[in-house]
Amino acid sequence: MTPQDIENLFTRDSGDFVFARWGRPVSPVVFGVDDATLSVIKGALEAVCVLSGHKIAETDPELGSNLMMFFFKEWDELPDVPGLDRLVPDLKPLVEKLKDVDANQYRLFRFDEDGAIKACFVFLRMDKHLSATPAQTLALSQIVQSFLLWSDAAFKDQSPLAVAEGTTILRPDVAALLRAAYDPVLPSVAQDTSHALRLFARLNKPQ
């Protein structure tokens, strides 16, 4: 992975470079799955936290839960979730927009006063494609994409995951970048492309 590759992963469609990682421990809650799938999601979250060095907490003092994952069949179910409209601004127009483009997933981030991630809402409409995706693959992919503010098109052409000996894993280059992104020496927020160089310099840093 080159510095330009890293820069591209955090450059939005607008042309702005925006890097942000979590500024507080992750306190997850998952809706709409059975116990077996919940266990898989928990395992994926723990694996990414170990990799990055980030923390998991039982509760967030401000929000209670700050990483919320919703699994459902149709977008129209979301406006009926009690209290969700208070957490997600303009929920009904958002649902209509997602229906119009036939989306099967959406992530919404909220940020603290410094610009670090303080909450992430993950919405997964389990259409035929997502329903056919192994739980481990789906969970790991969503957790990785929730741990940093990646660009709009970061993984459109290539998944952050790979398969090694029949097991789904995080791509080694993405894993190294995620680890570098959570280096405590680095800031949680950056809007200058020079940050890509700082990340690149840490890709092969000894653990």
C-alpha atoms as a PDB file:
ATOM      1  CA  MET A   1       0.000   0.000   0.000  1.00  0.00           C
ATOM      2  CA  THR A   2       1.471   3.336  -1.094  1.00  0.00           C
ATOM      3  CA  PRO A   3       0.938   6.769   0.490  1.00  0.00           C
ATOM      4  CA  GLN A   4      -1.338   7.600  -2.447  1.00  0.00           C
ATOM      5  CA  ASP A   5      -3.387   4.454  -1.825  1.00  0.00           C
ATOM      6  CA  ILE A   6      -3.844   5.503   1.797  1.00  0.00           C
ATOM      7  CA  GLU A   7      -4.754   9.040   0.803  1.00  0.00           C
ATOM      8  CA  ASN A   8      -7.384   7.703  -1.597  1.00  0.00           C
ATOM      9  CA  LEU A   9      -8.983   5.622   1.154  1.00  0.00           C
ATOM     10  CA  PHE A  10      -9.773   8.784   3.111  1.00  0.00           C
ATOM     11  CA  THR A  11     -10.495  11.209   0.258  1.00  0.00           C
ATOM     12  CA  ARG A  12     -14.210  11.751  -0.156  1.00  0.00           C
ATOM     13  CA  ASP A  13     -16.113  12.300  -3.401  1.00  0.00           C
ATOM     14  CA  SER A  14     -15.928  16.030  -2.672  1.00  0.00           C
ATOM     15  CA  GLY A  15     -12.117  15.822  -2.921  1.00  0.00           C
ATOM     16  CA  ASP A  16     -11.623  16.513   0.798  1.00  0.00           C
ATOM     17  CA  PHE A  17      -9.233  14.379   2.815  1.00  0.00           C
ATOM     18  CA  VAL A  18     -10.961  13.486   6.083  1.00  0.00           C
ATOM     19  CA  PHE A  19      -9.535  11.015   8.591  1.00  0.00           C
ATOM     20  CA  ALA A  20     -11.312  10.165  11.846  1.00  0.00           C
ATOM     21  CA  ARG A  21     -11.100   7.279  14.283  1.00  0.00           C
ATOM     22  CA  TRP A  22     -13.037   6.549  17.466  1.00  0.00           C
ATOM     23  CA  GLY A  23     -12.271   8.941  20.282  1.00  0.00           C
ATOM     24  CA  ARG A  24     -13.893   6.804  22.976  1.00  0.00           C
ATOM     25  CA  PRO A  25     -14.389   3.093  23.742  1.00  0.00           C
ATOM     26  CA  VAL A  26     -16.938   1.262  21.602  1.00  0.00           C
ATOM     27  CA  SER A  27     -20.141   0.202  23.368  1.00  0.00           C
ATOM     28  CA  PRO A  28     -22.040  -2.005  20.929  1.00  0.00           C
ATOM     29  CA  VAL A  29     -25.607  -3.204  20.678  1.00  0.00           C
ATOM     30  CA  VAL A  30     -27.077  -5.348  17.893  1.00  0.00           C
ATOM     31  CA  PHE A  31     -30.731  -5.647  16.862  1.00  0.00           C
ATOM     32  CA  GLY A  32     -32.466  -8.239  14.702  1.00  0.00           C
ATOM     33  CA  VAL A  33     -30.151 -11.262  14.911  1.00  0.00           C
ATOM     34  CA  ASP A  34     -30.186 -14.595  16.718  1.00  0.00           C
ATOM     35  CA  ASP A  35     -27.722 -15.608  19.418  1.00  0.00           C
ATOM     36  CA  ALA A  36     -25.452 -17.466  16.995  1.00  0.00           C
ATOM     37  CA  THR A  37     -25.056 -14.427  14.730  1.00  0.00           C
ATOM     38  CA  LEU A  38     -24.629 -12.157  17.745  1.00  0.00           C
ATOM     39  CA  SER A  39     -21.711 -14.307  18.874  1.00  0.00           C
ATOM     40  CA  VAL A  40     -20.093 -13.976  15.440  1.00  0.00           C
ATOM     41  CA  ILE A  41     -20.479 -10.185  15.489  1.00  0.00           C
ATOM     42  CA  LYS A  42     -19.028 -10.012  18.991  1.00  0.00           C
ATOM     43  CA  GLY A  43     -16.060 -12.093  17.870  1.00  0.00           C
ATOM     44  CA  ALA A  44     -15.428  -9.823  14.882  1.00  0.00           C
ATOM     45  CA  LEU A  45     -15.603  -6.716  17.070  1.00  0.00           C
ATOM     46  CA  GLU A  46     -13.211  -8.170  19.619  1.00  0.00           C
ATOM     47  CA  ALA A  47     -10.777  -9.184  16.873  1.00  0.00           C
ATOM     48  CA  VAL A  48     -10.715  -5.672  15.372  1.00  0.00           C
ATOM     49  CA  CYS A  49     -10.300  -4.125  18.826  1.00  0.00           C
ATOM     50  CA  VAL A  50      -7.343  -6.396  19.579  1.00  0.00           C
ATOM     51  CA  LEU A  51      -5.821  -5.554  16.209  1.00  0.00           C
ATOM     52  CA  SER A  52      -6.245  -1.797  16.596  1.00  0.00           C
ATOM     53  CA  GLY A  53      -5.649  -1.594  20.323  1.00  0.00           C
ATOM     54  CA  HIS A  54      -8.989   0.152  20.803  1.00  0.00           C
ATOM     55  CA  LYS A  55     -11.248  -0.537  23.791  1.00  0.00           C
ATOM     56  CA  ILE A  56     -14.709  -2.035  24.240  1.00  0.00           C
ATOM     57  CA  ALA A  57     -16.904  -0.790  27.094  1.00  0.00           C
ATOM     58  CA  GLU A  58     -20.188  -2.031  28.535  1.00  0.00           C
ATOM     59  CA  THR A  59     -21.789   1.398  28.215  1.00  0.00           C
ATOM     60  CA  ASP A  60     -21.004   4.851  26.916  1.00  0.00           C
ATOM     61  CA  PRO A  61     -21.613   7.532  29.584  1.00  0.00           C
ATOM     62  CA  GLU A  62     -23.245   9.877  27.065  1.00  0.00           C
ATOM     63  CA  LEU A  63     -25.146   7.566  24.725  1.00  0.00           C
ATOM     64  CA  GLY A  64     -25.391   4.224  26.514  1.00  0.00           C
ATOM     65  CA  SER A  65     -24.561   2.362  23.317  1.00  0.00           C
ATOM     66  CA  ASN A  66     -22.571   4.125  20.618  1.00  0.00           C
ATOM     67  CA  LEU A  67     -22.176   1.393  17.982  1.00  0.00           C
ATOM     68  CA  MET A  68     -25.653   0.267  16.974  1.00  0.00           C
ATOM     69  CA  MET A  69     -26.179  -2.387  14.316  1.00  0.00           C
ATOM     70  CA  PHE A  70     -29.639  -3.008  12.886  1.00  0.00           C
ATOM     71  CA  PHE A  71     -30.505  -6.074  10.774  1.00  0.00           C
ATOM     72  CA  PHE A  72     -33.906  -6.032   9.071  1.00  0.00           C
ATOM     73  CA  LYS A  73     -35.865  -7.022   5.965  1.00  0.00           C
ATOM     74  CA  GLU A  74     -37.204  -3.707   4.679  1.00  0.00           C
ATOM     75  CA  TRP A  75     -36.218  -0.057   5.113  1.00  0.00           C
ATOM     76  CA  ASP A  76     -39.800   0.780   6.099  1.00  0.00           C
ATOM     77  CA  GLU A  77     -39.214  -1.004   9.412  1.00  0.00           C
ATOM     78  CA  LEU A  78     -36.802   1.671  10.641  1.00  0.00           C
ATOM     79  CA  PRO A  79     -39.247   4.553  11.321  1.00  0.00           C
ATOM     80  CA  ASP A  80     -41.143   2.175  13.635  1.00  0.00           C
ATOM     81  CA  VAL A  81     -38.118   1.585  15.877  1.00  0.00           C
ATOM     82  CA  PRO A  82     -38.863   3.493  19.121  1.00  0.00           C
ATOM     83  CA  GLY A  83     -36.577   6.483  19.634  1.00  0.00           C
ATOM     84  CA  LEU A  84     -34.553   5.962  16.469  1.00  0.00           C
ATOM     85  CA  ASP A  85     -35.804   9.220  14.980  1.00  0.00           C
ATOM     86  CA  ARG A  86     -34.133  11.052  17.893  1.00  0.00           C
ATOM     87  CA  LEU A  87     -30.786   9.414  17.137  1.00  0.00           C
ATOM     88  CA  VAL A  88     -30.933   9.678  13.345  1.00  0.00           C
ATOM     89  CA  PRO A  89     -31.820  13.126  11.971  1.00  0.00           C
ATOM     90  CA  ASP A  90     -34.397  13.169   9.151  1.00  0.00           C
ATOM     91  CA  LEU A  91     -34.964   9.428   9.441  1.00  0.00           C
ATOM     92  CA  LYS A  92     -37.988   9.229   7.149  1.00  0.00           C
ATOM     93  CA  PRO A  93     -36.410  11.172   4.230  1.00  0.00           C
ATOM     94  CA  LEU A  94     -33.278   9.043   4.640  1.00  0.00           C
ATOM     95  CA  VAL A  95     -35.327   5.851   4.430  1.00  0.00           C
ATOM     96  CA  GLU A  96     -37.037   7.081   1.256  1.00  0.00           C
ATOM     97  CA  LYS A  97     -33.674   7.934  -0.293  1.00  0.00           C
ATOM     98  CA  LEU A  98     -32.264   4.498   0.529  1.00  0.00           C
ATOM     99  CA  LYS A  99     -35.349   2.803  -0.893  1.00  0.00           C
ATOM    100  CA  ASP A 100     -35.070   4.821  -4.115  1.00  0.00           C
ATOM    101  CA  VAL A 101     -31.511   3.592  -4.755  1.00  0.00           C
ATOM    102  CA  ASP A 102     -32.320   0.036  -3.576  1.00  0.00           C
ATOM    103  CA  ALA A 103     -29.545   0.204  -0.971  1.00  0.00           C
ATOM    104  CA  ASN A 104     -28.895  -2.774   1.256  1.00  0.00           C
ATOM    105  CA  GLN A 105     -26.619  -1.030   3.774  1.00  0.00           C
ATOM    106  CA  TYR A 106     -25.917   2.373   5.238  1.00  0.00           C
ATOM    107  CA  ARG A 107     -23.599   3.716   7.940  1.00  0.00           C
ATOM    108  CA  LEU A 108     -24.161   6.966   9.779  1.00  0.00           C
ATOM    109  CA  PHE A 109     -21.425   8.468  11.947  1.00  0.00           C
ATOM    110  CA  ARG A 110     -21.667  11.074  14.676  1.00  0.00           C
ATOM    111  CA  PHE A 111     -18.665  13.015  15.933  1.00  0.00           C
ATOM    112  CA  ASP A 112     -17.543  14.708  19.124  1.00  0.00           C
ATOM    113  CA  GLU A 113     -16.543  18.367  19.340  1.00  0.00           C
ATOM    114  CA  ASP A 114     -13.005  17.545  18.185  1.00  0.00           C
ATOM    115  CA  GLY A 115     -14.212  15.577  15.148  1.00  0.00           C
ATOM    116  CA  ALA A 116     -13.450  12.073  16.445  1.00  0.00           C
ATOM    117  CA  ILE A 117     -16.076   9.358  16.006  1.00  0.00           C
ATOM    118  CA  LYS A 118     -18.423   9.147  18.979  1.00  0.00           C
ATOM    119  CA  ALA A 119     -21.176   6.979  17.468  1.00  0.00           C
ATOM    120  CA  CYS A 120     -21.909   4.827  14.440  1.00  0.00           C
ATOM    121  CA  PHE A 121     -25.251   3.448  13.292  1.00  0.00           C
ATOM    122  CA  VAL A 122     -25.071   0.495  10.901  1.00  0.00           C
ATOM    123  CA  PHE A 123     -28.199  -0.421   8.937  1.00  0.00           C
ATOM    124  CA  LEU A 124     -28.309  -3.675   6.988  1.00  0.00           C
ATOM    125  CA  ARG A 125     -31.296  -4.597   4.852  1.00  0.00           C
ATOM    126  CA  MET A 126     -30.985  -8.347   4.483  1.00  0.00           C
ATOM    127  CA  ASP A 127     -31.737  -8.707   0.793  1.00  0.00           C
ATOM    128  CA  LYS A 128     -30.746 -11.777  -1.226  1.00  0.00           C
ATOM    129  CA  HIS A 129     -27.136 -10.645  -1.498  1.00  0.00           C
ATOM    130  CA  LEU A 130     -26.556  -9.947   2.193  1.00  0.00           C
ATOM    131  CA  SER A 131     -28.587 -12.983   3.251  1.00  0.00           C
ATOM    132  CA  ALA A 132     -26.305 -15.176   1.155  1.00  0.00           C
ATOM    133  CA  THR A 133     -23.172 -13.676   2.727  1.00  0.00           C
ATOM    134  CA  PRO A 134     -21.653 -15.765   5.542  1.00  0.00           C
ATOM    135  CA  ALA A 135     -22.205 -14.178   8.948  1.00  0.00           C
ATOM    136  CA  GLN A 136     -18.469 -14.019   9.657  1.00  0.00           C
ATOM    137  CA  THR A 137     -17.798 -12.176   6.399  1.00  0.00           C
ATOM    138  CA  LEU A 138     -20.656  -9.727   6.883  1.00  0.00           C
ATOM    139  CA  ALA A 139     -19.769  -9.024  10.518  1.00  0.00           C
ATOM    140  CA  LEU A 140     -16.056  -8.464   9.931  1.00  0.00           C
ATOM    141  CA  SER A 141     -16.665  -6.255   6.904  1.00  0.00           C
ATOM    142  CA  GLN A 142     -19.142  -4.033   8.749  1.00  0.00           C
ATOM    143  CA  ILE A 143     -17.011  -3.706  11.880  1.00  0.00           C
ATOM    144  CA  VAL A 144     -13.939  -2.708   9.867  1.00  0.00           C
ATOM    145  CA  GLN A 145     -15.913  -0.104   7.941  1.00  0.00           C
ATOM    146  CA  SER A 146     -17.255   1.274  11.234  1.00  0.00           C
ATOM    147  CA  PHE A 147     -13.850   1.727  12.863  1.00  0.00           C
ATOM    148  CA  LEU A 148     -12.597   4.551  10.646  1.00  0.00           C
ATOM    149  CA  LEU A 149     -14.217   7.242   8.533  1.00  0.00           C
ATOM    150  CA  TRP A 150     -13.256   5.693   5.204  1.00  0.00           C
ATOM    151  CA  SER A 151     -13.983   7.525   1.961  1.00  0.00           C
ATOM    152  CA  ASP A 152     -17.262   7.020   0.131  1.00  0.00           C
ATOM    153  CA  ALA A 153     -15.597   4.697  -2.380  1.00  0.00           C
ATOM    154  CA  ALA A 154     -12.911   3.072  -0.226  1.00  0.00           C
ATOM    155  CA  PHE A 155     -14.015  -0.526  -0.794  1.00  0.00           C
ATOM    156  CA  LYS A 156     -16.207  -0.287  -3.883  1.00  0.00           C
ATOM    157  CA  ASP A 157     -13.664  -2.016  -6.108  1.00  0.00           C
ATOM    158  CA  GLN A 158     -11.993  -4.314  -3.586  1.00  0.00           C
ATOM    159  CA  SER A 159     -13.275  -5.765  -0.322  1.00  0.00           C
ATOM    160  CA  PRO A 160     -11.344  -5.117   2.887  1.00  0.00           C
ATOM    161  CA  LEU A 161     -11.461  -8.882   3.413  1.00  0.00           C
ATOM    162  CA  ALA A 162      -9.631 -11.860   1.956  1.00  0.00           C
ATOM    163  CA  VAL A 163      -9.864 -15.649   2.226  1.00  0.00           C
ATOM    164  CA  ALA A 164      -6.922 -17.625   3.586  1.00  0.00           C
ATOM    165  CA  GLU A 165      -7.157 -21.407   3.732  1.00  0.00           C
ATOM    166  CA  GLY A 166     -10.931 -21.230   3.634  1.00  0.00           C
ATOM    167  CA  THR A 167     -11.174 -18.643   6.435  1.00  0.00           C
ATOM    168  CA  THR A 168     -12.323 -15.062   5.953  1.00  0.00           C
ATOM    169  CA  ILE A 169      -9.724 -12.626   7.273  1.00  0.00           C
ATOM    170  CA  LEU A 170      -8.969  -8.947   7.093  1.00  0.00           C
ATOM    171  CA  ARG A 171      -6.657  -8.138   4.191  1.00  0.00           C
ATOM    172  CA  PRO A 172      -3.117  -7.799   5.594  1.00  0.00           C
ATOM    173  CA  ASP A 173      -2.666  -4.307   4.140  1.00  0.00           C
ATOM    174  CA  VAL A 174      -5.974  -3.111   5.587  1.00  0.00           C
ATOM    175  CA  ALA A 175      -5.134  -4.714   8.939  1.00  0.00           C
ATOM    176  CA  ALA A 176      -1.774  -2.923   9.001  1.00  0.00           C
ATOM    177  CA  LEU A 177      -3.441   0.386   8.125  1.00  0.00           C
ATOM    178  CA  LEU A 178      -6.080  -0.057  10.820  1.00  0.00           C
ATOM    179  CA  ARG A 179      -3.369  -0.770  13.384  1.00  0.00           C
ATOM    180  CA  ALA A 180      -1.424   2.292  12.249  1.00  0.00           C
ATOM    181  CA  ALA A 181      -4.539   4.478  12.371  1.00  0.00           C
ATOM    182  CA  TYR A 182      -4.963   3.775  16.081  1.00  0.00           C
ATOM    183  CA  ASP A 183      -1.355   4.501  16.988  1.00  0.00           C
ATOM    184  CA  PRO A 184      -1.785   6.651  20.131  1.00  0.00           C
ATOM    185  CA  VAL A 185       0.927   9.018  18.900  1.00  0.00           C
ATOM    186  CA  LEU A 186      -1.292  10.056  15.992  1.00  0.00           C
ATOM    187  CA  PRO A 187      -4.273  12.398  16.306  1.00  0.00           C
ATOM    188  CA  SER A 188      -7.802  11.002  16.163  1.00  0.00           C
ATOM    189  CA  VAL A 189      -8.739  13.501  13.435  1.00  0.00           C
ATOM    190  CA  ALA A 190      -6.850  14.851  10.420  1.00  0.00           C
ATOM    191  CA  GLN A 191      -7.831  16.839   7.324  1.00  0.00           C
ATOM    192  CA  ASP A 192      -4.429  17.238   5.719  1.00  0.00           C
ATOM    193  CA  THR A 193      -3.116  14.700   3.223  1.00  0.00           C
ATOM    194  CA  SER A 194       0.201  14.623   5.086  1.00  0.00           C
ATOM    195  CA  HIS A 195      -1.571  12.315   7.530  1.00  0.00           C
ATOM    196  CA  ALA A 196      -1.449   9.616   4.851  1.00  0.00           C
ATOM    197  CA  LEU A 197       2.351   9.810   4.990  1.00  0.00           C
ATOM    198  CA  ARG A 198       2.307   9.462   8.761  1.00  0.00           C
ATOM    199  CA  LEU A 199       0.109   6.380   8.450  1.00  0.00           C
ATOM    200  CA  PHE A 200       2.344   4.937   5.747  1.00  0.00           C
ATOM    201  CA  ALA A 201       5.400   5.366   7.976  1.00  0.00           C
ATOM    202  CA  ARG A 202       3.741   3.156  10.596  1.00  0.00           C
ATOM    203  CA  LEU A 203       2.512   0.339   8.361  1.00  0.00           C
ATOM    204  CA  ASN A 204       5.508  -1.878   9.091  1.00  0.00           C
ATOM    205  CA  LYS A 205       6.130  -0.647  12.603  1.00  0.00           C
ATOM    206  CA  PRO A 206       7.122  -3.558  14.918  1.00  0.00           C
ATOM    207  CA  GLN A 207       4.374  -4.610  17.324  1.00  0.00           C
END
